[in-house]
N, C-alpha and C. Protein backbone atom coordinates (compact mmCIF):
# COMPACT_ATOMS: atom_id res chain seq x y z
N MET A 1 5.54 27.67 33.98
CA MET A 1 4.24 27.38 33.41
C MET A 1 4.13 27.94 31.99
N ARG A 2 4.61 29.18 31.78
CA ARG A 2 4.56 29.78 30.45
C ARG A 2 5.43 29.00 29.49
N ARG A 3 6.56 28.53 29.98
CA ARG A 3 7.47 27.76 29.13
C ARG A 3 6.82 26.45 28.68
N ARG A 4 6.11 25.78 29.60
CA ARG A 4 5.42 24.53 29.29
C ARG A 4 4.36 24.77 28.20
N ARG A 5 3.58 25.86 28.35
CA ARG A 5 2.56 26.19 27.35
C ARG A 5 3.19 26.46 25.99
N LEU A 6 4.31 27.16 26.00
CA LEU A 6 5.01 27.45 24.76
C LEU A 6 5.47 26.17 24.08
N ILE A 7 6.01 25.25 24.86
CA ILE A 7 6.45 23.96 24.30
C ILE A 7 5.28 23.20 23.73
N VAL A 8 4.15 23.17 24.43
CA VAL A 8 2.96 22.48 23.95
C VAL A 8 2.46 23.13 22.66
N LEU A 9 2.44 24.46 22.60
CA LEU A 9 1.99 25.16 21.39
C LEU A 9 2.90 24.88 20.21
N ILE A 10 4.20 24.92 20.44
CA ILE A 10 5.15 24.65 19.36
C ILE A 10 5.02 23.20 18.90
N GLY A 11 4.92 22.28 19.84
CA GLY A 11 4.76 20.87 19.49
C GLY A 11 3.48 20.62 18.72
N GLY A 12 2.38 21.24 19.16
CA GLY A 12 1.10 21.09 18.46
C GLY A 12 1.15 21.66 17.06
N ALA A 13 1.81 22.82 16.92
CA ALA A 13 1.94 23.45 15.60
C ALA A 13 2.77 22.57 14.67
N ALA A 14 3.76 21.90 15.20
CA ALA A 14 4.59 21.02 14.38
C ALA A 14 3.80 19.81 13.89
N LEU A 15 2.82 19.38 14.66
CA LEU A 15 2.02 18.21 14.27
C LEU A 15 0.94 18.53 13.25
N LEU A 16 0.53 19.79 13.13
CA LEU A 16 -0.55 20.14 12.21
C LEU A 16 -0.30 19.71 10.77
N PRO A 17 0.89 19.96 10.19
CA PRO A 17 1.10 19.51 8.81
C PRO A 17 1.01 17.99 8.68
N LEU A 18 1.47 17.26 9.68
CA LEU A 18 1.40 15.80 9.64
C LEU A 18 -0.05 15.33 9.71
N MET A 19 -0.85 15.97 10.55
CA MET A 19 -2.25 15.59 10.67
C MET A 19 -2.99 15.92 9.38
N ALA A 20 -2.70 17.06 8.78
CA ALA A 20 -3.35 17.43 7.52
C ALA A 20 -2.96 16.46 6.42
N ARG A 21 -1.71 16.03 6.41
CA ARG A 21 -1.25 15.10 5.39
C ARG A 21 -1.94 13.75 5.54
N ALA A 22 -2.19 13.33 6.75
CA ALA A 22 -2.86 12.05 6.97
C ALA A 22 -4.30 12.09 6.50
N GLN A 23 -4.89 13.28 6.42
CA GLN A 23 -6.28 13.41 6.00
C GLN A 23 -6.43 13.57 4.49
N GLU A 24 -5.32 13.65 3.74
CA GLU A 24 -5.41 13.82 2.29
C GLU A 24 -6.22 12.68 1.69
N GLN A 25 -7.06 13.02 0.75
CA GLN A 25 -7.88 12.03 0.06
C GLN A 25 -7.15 11.60 -1.20
N VAL A 26 -6.97 10.31 -1.39
CA VAL A 26 -6.36 9.79 -2.60
C VAL A 26 -7.48 9.60 -3.62
N VAL A 27 -7.43 10.37 -4.68
CA VAL A 27 -8.44 10.28 -5.74
C VAL A 27 -7.75 9.69 -6.96
N PRO A 28 -8.16 8.46 -7.35
CA PRO A 28 -7.53 7.84 -8.53
C PRO A 28 -7.69 8.73 -9.76
N ALA A 29 -6.59 8.97 -10.43
CA ALA A 29 -6.57 9.81 -11.63
C ALA A 29 -6.05 9.00 -12.81
N SER A 30 -6.44 9.41 -13.99
CA SER A 30 -6.02 8.71 -15.21
C SER A 30 -4.54 8.93 -15.49
N PRO A 31 -3.90 7.94 -16.04
CA PRO A 31 -2.48 8.08 -16.41
C PRO A 31 -2.35 8.82 -17.74
N PRO A 32 -1.12 9.13 -18.13
CA PRO A 32 -0.93 9.66 -19.49
C PRO A 32 -1.47 8.64 -20.50
N PRO A 33 -1.91 9.08 -21.67
CA PRO A 33 -2.58 8.18 -22.62
C PRO A 33 -1.77 6.96 -23.06
N THR A 34 -0.45 7.06 -23.03
CA THR A 34 0.37 5.93 -23.48
C THR A 34 0.82 5.02 -22.34
N LYS A 35 0.35 5.29 -21.12
CA LYS A 35 0.76 4.52 -19.94
C LYS A 35 -0.44 3.88 -19.27
N ALA A 36 -0.17 2.92 -18.40
CA ALA A 36 -1.17 2.32 -17.51
C ALA A 36 -0.78 2.70 -16.09
N ARG A 37 -1.78 2.92 -15.25
CA ARG A 37 -1.50 3.30 -13.86
C ARG A 37 -1.85 2.15 -12.94
N LEU A 38 -0.91 1.81 -12.05
CA LEU A 38 -1.10 0.75 -11.06
C LEU A 38 -1.00 1.38 -9.68
N TYR A 39 -2.12 1.32 -8.93
CA TYR A 39 -2.14 1.77 -7.55
C TYR A 39 -1.85 0.59 -6.65
N ILE A 40 -0.95 0.76 -5.70
CA ILE A 40 -0.64 -0.27 -4.71
C ILE A 40 -0.98 0.32 -3.34
N TYR A 41 -1.84 -0.39 -2.59
CA TYR A 41 -2.23 0.16 -1.30
C TYR A 41 -2.36 -0.92 -0.25
N ARG A 42 -2.31 -0.45 0.99
CA ARG A 42 -2.39 -1.35 2.13
C ARG A 42 -3.11 -0.63 3.26
N ASP A 43 -4.21 -1.19 3.72
CA ASP A 43 -4.94 -0.54 4.81
C ASP A 43 -4.27 -0.84 6.14
N THR A 44 -4.79 -0.24 7.17
CA THR A 44 -4.26 -0.49 8.50
C THR A 44 -5.11 -1.57 9.16
N SER A 45 -4.47 -2.40 9.90
CA SER A 45 -5.16 -3.49 10.57
C SER A 45 -4.64 -3.60 11.99
N THR A 46 -5.55 -3.76 12.92
CA THR A 46 -5.16 -3.90 14.31
C THR A 46 -4.26 -5.12 14.51
N TYR A 47 -4.55 -6.20 13.79
CA TYR A 47 -3.81 -7.44 13.97
C TYR A 47 -2.78 -7.70 12.89
N GLY A 48 -2.72 -6.82 11.88
CA GLY A 48 -1.81 -7.03 10.77
C GLY A 48 -0.39 -6.62 11.09
N SER A 49 0.49 -7.02 10.22
CA SER A 49 1.90 -6.68 10.37
C SER A 49 2.11 -5.19 10.15
N GLN A 50 3.02 -4.63 10.88
CA GLN A 50 3.38 -3.23 10.71
C GLN A 50 4.65 -3.10 9.87
N ALA A 51 5.14 -4.22 9.35
CA ALA A 51 6.36 -4.23 8.55
C ALA A 51 6.12 -3.65 7.17
N TRP A 52 7.13 -3.01 6.65
CA TRP A 52 7.12 -2.57 5.26
C TRP A 52 7.45 -3.79 4.40
N THR A 53 6.98 -3.81 3.17
CA THR A 53 7.34 -4.89 2.26
C THR A 53 7.64 -4.32 0.88
N ALA A 54 8.60 -4.90 0.21
CA ALA A 54 8.96 -4.47 -1.14
C ALA A 54 7.92 -4.97 -2.13
N VAL A 55 7.60 -4.14 -3.10
CA VAL A 55 6.67 -4.49 -4.17
C VAL A 55 7.45 -4.47 -5.48
N SER A 56 7.24 -5.52 -6.30
CA SER A 56 7.97 -5.63 -7.57
C SER A 56 7.01 -5.90 -8.71
N LEU A 57 7.42 -5.45 -9.88
CA LEU A 57 6.75 -5.82 -11.13
C LEU A 57 7.75 -6.61 -11.95
N ASN A 58 7.38 -7.83 -12.31
CA ASN A 58 8.28 -8.70 -13.10
C ASN A 58 9.68 -8.75 -12.49
N HIS A 59 9.75 -8.94 -11.18
CA HIS A 59 10.99 -9.13 -10.43
C HIS A 59 11.83 -7.86 -10.29
N MET A 60 11.29 -6.69 -10.65
CA MET A 60 12.02 -5.42 -10.49
C MET A 60 11.28 -4.58 -9.45
N LYS A 61 11.97 -4.22 -8.38
CA LYS A 61 11.35 -3.46 -7.30
C LYS A 61 10.86 -2.10 -7.80
N ILE A 62 9.58 -1.78 -7.44
CA ILE A 62 9.01 -0.48 -7.82
C ILE A 62 8.70 0.38 -6.60
N GLY A 63 8.79 -0.18 -5.40
CA GLY A 63 8.51 0.60 -4.21
C GLY A 63 8.33 -0.27 -2.99
N ASP A 64 7.95 0.39 -1.90
CA ASP A 64 7.73 -0.29 -0.63
C ASP A 64 6.34 0.07 -0.12
N SER A 65 5.65 -0.92 0.42
CA SER A 65 4.31 -0.74 0.95
C SER A 65 4.34 -0.82 2.47
N ALA A 66 3.64 0.11 3.11
CA ALA A 66 3.52 0.15 4.57
C ALA A 66 2.04 0.22 4.93
N PRO A 67 1.68 -0.17 6.13
CA PRO A 67 0.27 -0.06 6.54
C PRO A 67 -0.22 1.38 6.44
N GLY A 68 -1.41 1.55 5.89
CA GLY A 68 -2.03 2.87 5.82
C GLY A 68 -1.52 3.74 4.70
N THR A 69 -0.87 3.14 3.69
CA THR A 69 -0.30 3.94 2.61
C THR A 69 -0.77 3.46 1.24
N VAL A 70 -0.60 4.35 0.26
CA VAL A 70 -0.88 4.04 -1.14
C VAL A 70 0.18 4.75 -1.99
N PHE A 71 0.61 4.08 -3.05
CA PHE A 71 1.47 4.73 -4.04
C PHE A 71 1.07 4.19 -5.41
N TYR A 72 1.52 4.86 -6.45
CA TYR A 72 1.18 4.39 -7.79
C TYR A 72 2.39 4.51 -8.71
N ARG A 73 2.31 3.75 -9.78
CA ARG A 73 3.32 3.80 -10.82
C ARG A 73 2.63 3.83 -12.17
N ASP A 74 3.14 4.65 -13.08
CA ASP A 74 2.70 4.66 -14.47
C ASP A 74 3.70 3.82 -15.25
N VAL A 75 3.19 2.80 -15.93
CA VAL A 75 4.06 1.85 -16.63
C VAL A 75 3.59 1.68 -18.07
N ALA A 76 4.46 1.13 -18.89
CA ALA A 76 4.10 0.83 -20.27
C ALA A 76 3.04 -0.27 -20.28
N PRO A 77 2.12 -0.23 -21.23
CA PRO A 77 1.13 -1.32 -21.32
C PRO A 77 1.85 -2.67 -21.46
N GLY A 78 1.26 -3.70 -20.90
CA GLY A 78 1.86 -5.03 -20.99
C GLY A 78 1.36 -5.94 -19.89
N THR A 79 1.97 -7.12 -19.82
CA THR A 79 1.63 -8.11 -18.80
C THR A 79 2.68 -8.05 -17.71
N TYR A 80 2.22 -7.96 -16.47
CA TYR A 80 3.12 -7.83 -15.33
C TYR A 80 2.73 -8.80 -14.23
N GLU A 81 3.73 -9.32 -13.53
CA GLU A 81 3.48 -10.07 -12.31
C GLU A 81 3.75 -9.12 -11.15
N VAL A 82 2.73 -8.90 -10.31
CA VAL A 82 2.85 -8.04 -9.14
C VAL A 82 3.26 -8.95 -7.98
N GLU A 83 4.38 -8.64 -7.36
CA GLU A 83 4.95 -9.50 -6.32
C GLU A 83 5.23 -8.68 -5.06
N VAL A 84 5.20 -9.35 -3.93
CA VAL A 84 5.57 -8.74 -2.66
C VAL A 84 6.58 -9.63 -1.94
N ARG A 85 7.47 -9.00 -1.21
CA ARG A 85 8.46 -9.77 -0.44
C ARG A 85 7.78 -10.32 0.81
N SER A 86 7.99 -11.57 1.09
CA SER A 86 7.40 -12.23 2.25
C SER A 86 8.41 -13.16 2.89
N ASP A 87 8.16 -13.43 4.17
CA ASP A 87 9.00 -14.40 4.87
C ASP A 87 8.58 -15.83 4.53
N LYS A 88 7.32 -16.02 4.17
CA LYS A 88 6.78 -17.35 3.87
C LYS A 88 6.02 -17.32 2.56
N LEU A 89 5.92 -18.48 1.92
CA LEU A 89 5.12 -18.61 0.70
C LEU A 89 3.66 -18.82 1.07
N TYR A 90 2.78 -18.42 0.16
CA TYR A 90 1.34 -18.55 0.37
C TYR A 90 0.72 -18.86 -0.98
N PRO A 91 -0.30 -19.71 -1.04
CA PRO A 91 -0.91 -20.03 -2.34
C PRO A 91 -1.43 -18.79 -3.06
N ASP A 92 -1.16 -18.70 -4.34
CA ASP A 92 -1.64 -17.60 -5.19
C ASP A 92 -1.23 -16.24 -4.62
N GLN A 93 -0.03 -16.18 -4.12
CA GLN A 93 0.48 -14.99 -3.43
C GLN A 93 0.68 -13.79 -4.37
N PHE A 94 1.15 -14.03 -5.57
CA PHE A 94 1.41 -12.97 -6.54
C PHE A 94 0.32 -13.00 -7.59
N LYS A 95 0.15 -11.88 -8.31
CA LYS A 95 -0.90 -11.81 -9.33
C LYS A 95 -0.30 -11.32 -10.64
N THR A 96 -0.80 -11.89 -11.73
CA THR A 96 -0.43 -11.45 -13.07
C THR A 96 -1.55 -10.57 -13.59
N VAL A 97 -1.19 -9.39 -14.09
CA VAL A 97 -2.18 -8.45 -14.58
C VAL A 97 -1.82 -8.02 -16.00
N GLN A 98 -2.85 -7.77 -16.79
CA GLN A 98 -2.69 -7.22 -18.13
C GLN A 98 -3.06 -5.75 -18.04
N LEU A 99 -2.10 -4.88 -18.29
CA LEU A 99 -2.33 -3.44 -18.16
C LEU A 99 -2.37 -2.81 -19.56
N ALA A 100 -3.50 -2.16 -19.85
CA ALA A 100 -3.70 -1.50 -21.15
C ALA A 100 -3.42 -0.02 -21.02
N ALA A 101 -3.06 0.62 -22.13
CA ALA A 101 -2.83 2.07 -22.14
C ALA A 101 -4.09 2.78 -21.65
N GLY A 102 -3.90 3.73 -20.75
CA GLY A 102 -5.00 4.50 -20.21
C GLY A 102 -5.77 3.84 -19.08
N SER A 103 -5.41 2.60 -18.73
CA SER A 103 -6.15 1.86 -17.70
C SER A 103 -5.62 2.18 -16.30
N ILE A 104 -6.48 1.91 -15.31
CA ILE A 104 -6.12 2.03 -13.91
C ILE A 104 -6.38 0.68 -13.26
N THR A 105 -5.41 0.15 -12.54
CA THR A 105 -5.53 -1.13 -11.86
C THR A 105 -5.17 -0.92 -10.39
N PHE A 106 -5.89 -1.63 -9.51
CA PHE A 106 -5.70 -1.49 -8.07
C PHE A 106 -5.19 -2.81 -7.49
N ALA A 107 -4.05 -2.75 -6.81
CA ALA A 107 -3.48 -3.93 -6.16
C ALA A 107 -3.42 -3.66 -4.66
N LYS A 108 -4.16 -4.44 -3.91
CA LYS A 108 -4.17 -4.30 -2.45
C LYS A 108 -3.20 -5.33 -1.87
N ILE A 109 -2.37 -4.89 -0.94
CA ILE A 109 -1.43 -5.79 -0.27
C ILE A 109 -2.07 -6.18 1.06
N GLU A 110 -2.21 -7.48 1.27
CA GLU A 110 -2.77 -8.00 2.52
C GLU A 110 -1.74 -8.90 3.18
N ASP A 111 -1.78 -8.95 4.50
CA ASP A 111 -0.88 -9.89 5.18
C ASP A 111 -1.68 -11.09 5.66
N GLN A 112 -1.02 -12.23 5.63
CA GLN A 112 -1.62 -13.50 6.01
C GLN A 112 -0.84 -14.07 7.17
N PRO A 113 -1.51 -14.74 8.07
CA PRO A 113 -0.77 -15.34 9.19
C PRO A 113 0.12 -16.49 8.71
N ALA A 114 1.29 -16.56 9.26
CA ALA A 114 2.22 -17.67 8.97
C ALA A 114 2.50 -18.35 10.30
N TRP A 115 1.77 -19.40 10.60
CA TRP A 115 1.86 -20.05 11.89
C TRP A 115 2.90 -21.14 11.89
N ASP A 116 3.49 -21.37 13.05
CA ASP A 116 4.43 -22.47 13.17
C ASP A 116 3.65 -23.79 13.25
N LYS A 117 4.35 -24.89 13.24
CA LYS A 117 3.72 -26.21 13.21
C LYS A 117 2.85 -26.50 14.42
N SER A 118 3.16 -25.87 15.54
CA SER A 118 2.37 -26.12 16.74
C SER A 118 1.07 -25.33 16.71
N GLY A 119 1.00 -24.30 15.85
CA GLY A 119 -0.19 -23.47 15.75
C GLY A 119 -0.25 -22.36 16.78
N PHE A 120 0.81 -22.18 17.56
CA PHE A 120 0.77 -21.18 18.62
C PHE A 120 1.60 -19.94 18.35
N GLY A 121 2.53 -19.99 17.45
CA GLY A 121 3.41 -18.84 17.25
C GLY A 121 3.39 -18.34 15.82
N ARG A 122 3.64 -17.08 15.65
CA ARG A 122 3.67 -16.48 14.33
C ARG A 122 5.12 -16.49 13.84
N LEU A 123 5.32 -17.01 12.66
CA LEU A 123 6.65 -17.08 12.08
C LEU A 123 6.73 -16.14 10.88
N GLY A 124 7.32 -15.00 11.05
CA GLY A 124 7.50 -14.09 9.93
C GLY A 124 6.20 -13.46 9.47
N THR A 125 6.29 -12.74 8.37
CA THR A 125 5.15 -12.06 7.80
C THR A 125 4.97 -12.50 6.36
N THR A 126 3.75 -12.83 6.01
CA THR A 126 3.44 -13.27 4.66
C THR A 126 2.47 -12.28 4.04
N PHE A 127 2.85 -11.74 2.89
CA PHE A 127 2.00 -10.79 2.18
C PHE A 127 1.48 -11.42 0.90
N VAL A 128 0.29 -11.02 0.50
CA VAL A 128 -0.30 -11.46 -0.76
C VAL A 128 -0.83 -10.23 -1.51
N VAL A 129 -0.92 -10.37 -2.82
CA VAL A 129 -1.46 -9.31 -3.67
C VAL A 129 -2.89 -9.69 -4.02
N VAL A 130 -3.81 -8.75 -3.86
CA VAL A 130 -5.20 -8.93 -4.24
C VAL A 130 -5.54 -7.85 -5.26
N ILE A 131 -6.00 -8.24 -6.44
CA ILE A 131 -6.41 -7.26 -7.45
C ILE A 131 -7.87 -6.91 -7.18
N VAL A 132 -8.13 -5.62 -6.99
CA VAL A 132 -9.48 -5.14 -6.73
C VAL A 132 -10.03 -4.61 -8.05
N ASP A 133 -11.02 -5.32 -8.60
CA ASP A 133 -11.55 -4.99 -9.92
C ASP A 133 -12.51 -3.82 -9.93
N ASP A 134 -13.16 -3.54 -8.82
CA ASP A 134 -14.17 -2.48 -8.77
C ASP A 134 -13.52 -1.18 -8.29
N PRO A 135 -13.43 -0.16 -9.16
CA PRO A 135 -12.80 1.10 -8.75
C PRO A 135 -13.49 1.76 -7.56
N ALA A 136 -14.80 1.60 -7.42
CA ALA A 136 -15.51 2.20 -6.28
C ALA A 136 -15.07 1.56 -4.98
N ILE A 137 -14.91 0.24 -4.99
CA ILE A 137 -14.45 -0.47 -3.78
C ILE A 137 -13.01 -0.06 -3.47
N ALA A 138 -12.15 -0.04 -4.48
CA ALA A 138 -10.75 0.35 -4.26
C ALA A 138 -10.67 1.78 -3.73
N SER A 139 -11.45 2.69 -4.30
CA SER A 139 -11.43 4.08 -3.83
C SER A 139 -11.87 4.18 -2.38
N ALA A 140 -12.92 3.43 -2.02
CA ALA A 140 -13.39 3.43 -0.63
C ALA A 140 -12.32 2.86 0.30
N GLN A 141 -11.64 1.80 -0.13
CA GLN A 141 -10.60 1.19 0.70
C GLN A 141 -9.38 2.11 0.83
N MET A 142 -9.11 2.92 -0.19
CA MET A 142 -7.97 3.84 -0.15
C MET A 142 -8.29 5.12 0.60
N SER A 143 -9.56 5.35 0.88
CA SER A 143 -9.97 6.56 1.59
C SER A 143 -9.27 6.64 2.94
N GLY A 144 -8.61 7.75 3.18
CA GLY A 144 -7.91 7.94 4.44
C GLY A 144 -6.49 7.43 4.46
N LEU A 145 -6.07 6.73 3.40
CA LEU A 145 -4.68 6.26 3.36
C LEU A 145 -3.77 7.41 2.94
N ARG A 146 -2.53 7.31 3.32
CA ARG A 146 -1.54 8.36 3.05
C ARG A 146 -0.83 8.05 1.73
N LEU A 147 -0.83 9.03 0.82
CA LEU A 147 -0.13 8.89 -0.45
C LEU A 147 1.37 9.08 -0.21
N ILE A 148 2.15 8.08 -0.63
CA ILE A 148 3.60 8.15 -0.44
C ILE A 148 4.28 7.95 -1.80
N PRO A 149 5.55 8.31 -1.90
CA PRO A 149 6.25 8.07 -3.16
C PRO A 149 6.52 6.60 -3.42
N GLY A 150 6.41 5.77 -2.38
CA GLY A 150 6.64 4.33 -2.56
C GLY A 150 8.06 4.00 -2.39
C-alpha cells in the first residue's frame, strides 16, 4: 500500500510541470523594430484532426502546427504566402499577407472536412489558413494554447 502511494505521488509530481506548462498564457509581444512577427496557432476541436501539419512561408517550412498550440516567427518585412500541408486542396486555402516592420499578424490554422464522393467517409485532412485581423479576438482564441517552438 505504501509503495502504491509512493508511485502515485511520484507520478503526480512528474505531471505538475506539464500541467503548469499547459496553463501558460500566450501574450502577443512586439517583434524587434526591424522585423514583423507572425503568430501561427491552432485551437483544439472535438471533431478536428489531431494531425500535425507543416506551415510554410513562400514555400519554405517554418514550423509544424498541432492542435492546442501556438508558435511565432520574426521575419523581415515583406509579402508572404502562408501555406499549410494538406491531403486535399480547398478553395482559398493559403493566404498572402503583407508584413510591415514592427507589425504583429495572426494566422489561425483550421481543418476542413474532406469527404469522399459518397459523402460518408473522410479522406485525409485538409487545413486552411485564416488571417485574424483583430488582435483581441486572436488573443482570446490563443488563450490556453501551449506555446511551442514550432
